[in-house]
Amino acid sequence: MSVAGGWQHRTRPRFAETVRASSAPTRGGAAALSEFEAMVLMAVGYFQPVTRGELSKIFGKEVSRDTIGNLRGAGFIGSGPRSPTPGAPYTYVTTPHFLSAFGMETLRDLPNIEALEDAGLLSRHAVQKEIAASEGGESDADEGASFIE
């Protein structure tokens, strides 16, 4: 099957246990992401290459190095080109593993942001509420999630 610009061998779900038992352990398996990590991953997917500072502006709060490290460790993001801004900060981009894990061939397969808003699946208020929930408190950041105004 064609996945993420390459090929991947897949089997029927009913054979999963047999294949798993006969195979060596792999890096596969779903990574458990927090809601905030999933939102950061979504922002990287849509706005790559993006710096950690730009991600912080998008969410209206600091995006920690730990969050970036967890996404890198899961293989979903990698280093992109250095930003041309002062200090040349690192940028982050999605990886082929990201495409494969979410069943996409290319980044063009990402849902259109406007279509998500029109369907009521994405809103600025909802994103701010998710950020507040991930912090364990209320958020009063009016600039947070400005990418979906």
Protein backbone atom coordinates (compact mmCIF):
# COMPACT_ATOMS: atom_id res chain seq x y z
CA MET A 1 0.00 0.00 0.00
CA SER A 2 1.29 3.49 -0.83
CA VAL A 3 1.85 5.58 2.31
CA ALA A 4 3.80 8.81 2.88
CA GLY A 5 5.53 8.72 -0.49
CA GLY A 6 6.71 5.14 -0.03
CA TRP A 7 5.32 1.67 0.39
CA GLN A 8 4.17 -0.18 3.45
CA HIS A 9 3.27 -3.82 3.88
CA ARG A 10 0.04 -4.29 5.82
CA THR A 11 -1.87 -7.39 6.79
CA ARG A 12 -5.45 -8.08 7.71
CA PRO A 13 -6.37 -7.34 11.33
CA ARG A 14 -7.26 -10.97 11.98
CA PHE A 15 -3.60 -11.93 11.40
CA ALA A 16 -2.25 -9.27 13.77
CA GLU A 17 -1.54 -11.56 16.71
CA THR A 18 0.28 -14.10 14.55
CA VAL A 19 2.41 -11.44 12.87
CA ARG A 20 3.11 -9.75 16.21
CA ALA A 21 4.15 -13.04 17.80
CA SER A 22 6.50 -13.91 14.95
CA SER A 23 8.11 -10.48 14.65
CA ALA A 24 10.83 -8.78 16.60
CA PRO A 25 9.71 -5.73 18.58
CA THR A 26 9.59 -2.58 16.48
CA ARG A 27 9.27 1.09 17.14
CA GLY A 28 5.70 0.89 15.88
CA GLY A 29 2.67 1.30 18.01
CA ALA A 30 0.67 4.37 18.70
CA ALA A 31 2.33 7.04 20.77
CA ALA A 32 0.18 8.34 23.59
CA LEU A 33 -0.02 12.10 23.12
CA SER A 34 -1.59 14.56 25.51
CA GLU A 35 -4.27 16.82 24.06
CA PHE A 36 -1.84 19.75 24.05
CA GLU A 37 0.85 17.69 22.29
CA ALA A 38 -1.71 16.70 19.67
CA MET A 39 -2.62 20.36 19.16
CA VAL A 40 1.05 21.32 18.83
CA LEU A 41 1.52 18.50 16.32
CA MET A 42 -1.47 19.81 14.36
CA ALA A 43 0.05 23.32 14.31
CA VAL A 44 3.41 21.97 13.11
CA GLY A 45 1.60 20.04 10.38
CA TYR A 46 -0.24 23.10 9.11
CA PHE A 47 2.44 25.79 9.56
CA GLN A 48 5.76 24.00 9.01
CA PRO A 49 8.55 24.88 9.08
CA VAL A 50 7.73 26.54 12.41
CA THR A 51 9.87 27.58 15.37
CA ARG A 52 9.06 26.90 19.01
CA GLY A 53 8.62 30.67 19.47
CA GLU A 54 6.07 30.78 16.65
CA LEU A 55 4.21 27.86 18.23
CA SER A 56 4.16 29.77 21.52
CA LYS A 57 2.61 32.77 19.73
CA ILE A 58 -0.02 30.53 18.13
CA PHE A 59 -1.08 29.09 21.49
CA GLY A 60 -0.59 32.22 23.57
CA LYS A 61 1.61 30.32 26.04
CA GLU A 62 5.06 28.80 26.15
CA VAL A 63 5.47 25.53 24.26
CA SER A 64 8.03 23.67 26.34
CA ARG A 65 11.10 21.87 25.10
CA ASP A 66 9.63 18.76 26.70
CA THR A 67 6.58 18.96 24.43
CA ILE A 68 8.83 19.27 21.37
CA GLY A 69 11.03 16.46 22.72
CA ASN A 70 8.05 14.14 23.18
CA LEU A 71 6.89 14.76 19.60
CA ARG A 72 10.43 14.22 18.30
CA GLY A 73 10.80 11.08 20.41
CA ALA A 74 7.57 9.69 18.97
CA GLY A 75 8.99 10.32 15.49
CA PHE A 76 6.23 12.75 14.47
CA ILE A 77 8.42 15.84 14.02
CA GLY A 78 12.01 16.51 13.09
CA SER A 79 14.34 19.45 12.60
CA GLY A 80 13.70 21.69 9.64
CA PRO A 81 15.85 24.44 8.14
CA ARG A 82 17.18 27.14 10.46
CA SER A 83 14.90 30.17 10.58
CA PRO A 84 16.23 33.30 8.83
CA THR A 85 15.22 35.39 11.88
CA PRO A 86 17.83 36.74 14.33
CA GLY A 87 19.47 33.94 16.28
CA ALA A 88 18.57 31.42 13.57
CA PRO A 89 16.28 29.29 15.76
CA TYR A 90 15.55 25.71 14.85
CA THR A 91 12.36 24.99 12.95
CA TYR A 92 10.28 21.84 13.13
CA VAL A 93 8.60 19.86 10.38
CA THR A 94 6.56 16.68 10.28
CA THR A 95 8.18 13.38 9.30
CA PRO A 96 7.15 10.52 7.02
CA HIS A 97 6.23 8.64 10.24
CA PHE A 98 3.66 11.38 10.96
CA LEU A 99 2.09 10.84 7.54
CA SER A 100 2.12 7.08 7.94
CA ALA A 101 0.71 7.12 11.48
CA PHE A 102 -2.22 9.26 10.40
CA GLY A 103 -2.80 7.45 7.10
CA MET A 104 -1.78 10.29 4.78
CA GLU A 105 0.16 10.20 1.55
CA THR A 106 1.18 13.88 1.62
CA LEU A 107 0.52 16.99 3.70
CA ARG A 108 -2.11 17.94 1.12
CA ASP A 109 -4.23 15.21 2.73
CA LEU A 110 -4.56 17.30 5.91
CA PRO A 111 -8.12 18.59 6.32
CA ASN A 112 -8.68 22.18 5.20
CA ILE A 113 -8.83 24.47 8.26
CA GLU A 114 -11.77 26.44 6.83
CA ALA A 115 -13.68 23.21 6.19
CA LEU A 116 -13.11 22.13 9.80
CA GLU A 117 -14.39 25.49 11.06
CA ASP A 118 -17.44 25.36 8.77
CA ALA A 119 -18.25 21.86 10.01
CA GLY A 120 -18.07 23.12 13.60
CA LEU A 121 -15.14 20.84 14.41
CA LEU A 122 -12.67 23.63 15.12
CA SER A 123 -13.12 27.01 16.77
CA ARG A 124 -10.97 29.53 18.59
CA HIS A 125 -13.08 29.12 21.75
CA ALA A 126 -12.74 25.34 21.69
CA VAL A 127 -8.96 25.50 21.28
CA GLN A 128 -8.65 27.98 24.17
CA LYS A 129 -10.80 25.68 26.29
CA GLU A 130 -8.53 22.71 25.42
CA ILE A 131 -5.42 24.73 26.33
CA ALA A 132 -6.97 25.70 29.67
CA ALA A 133 -7.90 22.08 30.35
CA SER A 134 -4.37 20.88 29.57
CA GLU A 135 -3.02 23.45 32.05
CA GLY A 136 -5.51 22.41 34.70
CA GLY A 137 -6.99 25.91 34.90
CA GLU A 138 -8.72 28.64 32.99
CA SER A 139 -7.09 30.50 30.12
CA ASP A 140 -7.58 34.21 29.57
CA ALA A 141 -5.29 34.45 26.56
CA ASP A 142 -7.11 36.38 23.85
CA GLU A 143 -4.25 35.88 21.43
CA GLY A 144 -4.10 32.11 21.83
CA ALA A 145 -4.98 29.95 18.86
CA SER A 146 -4.90 32.94 16.53
CA PHE A 147 -4.32 30.58 13.63
CA ILE A 148 -8.02 29.72 13.57
CA GLU A 149 -9.65 33.13 13.95
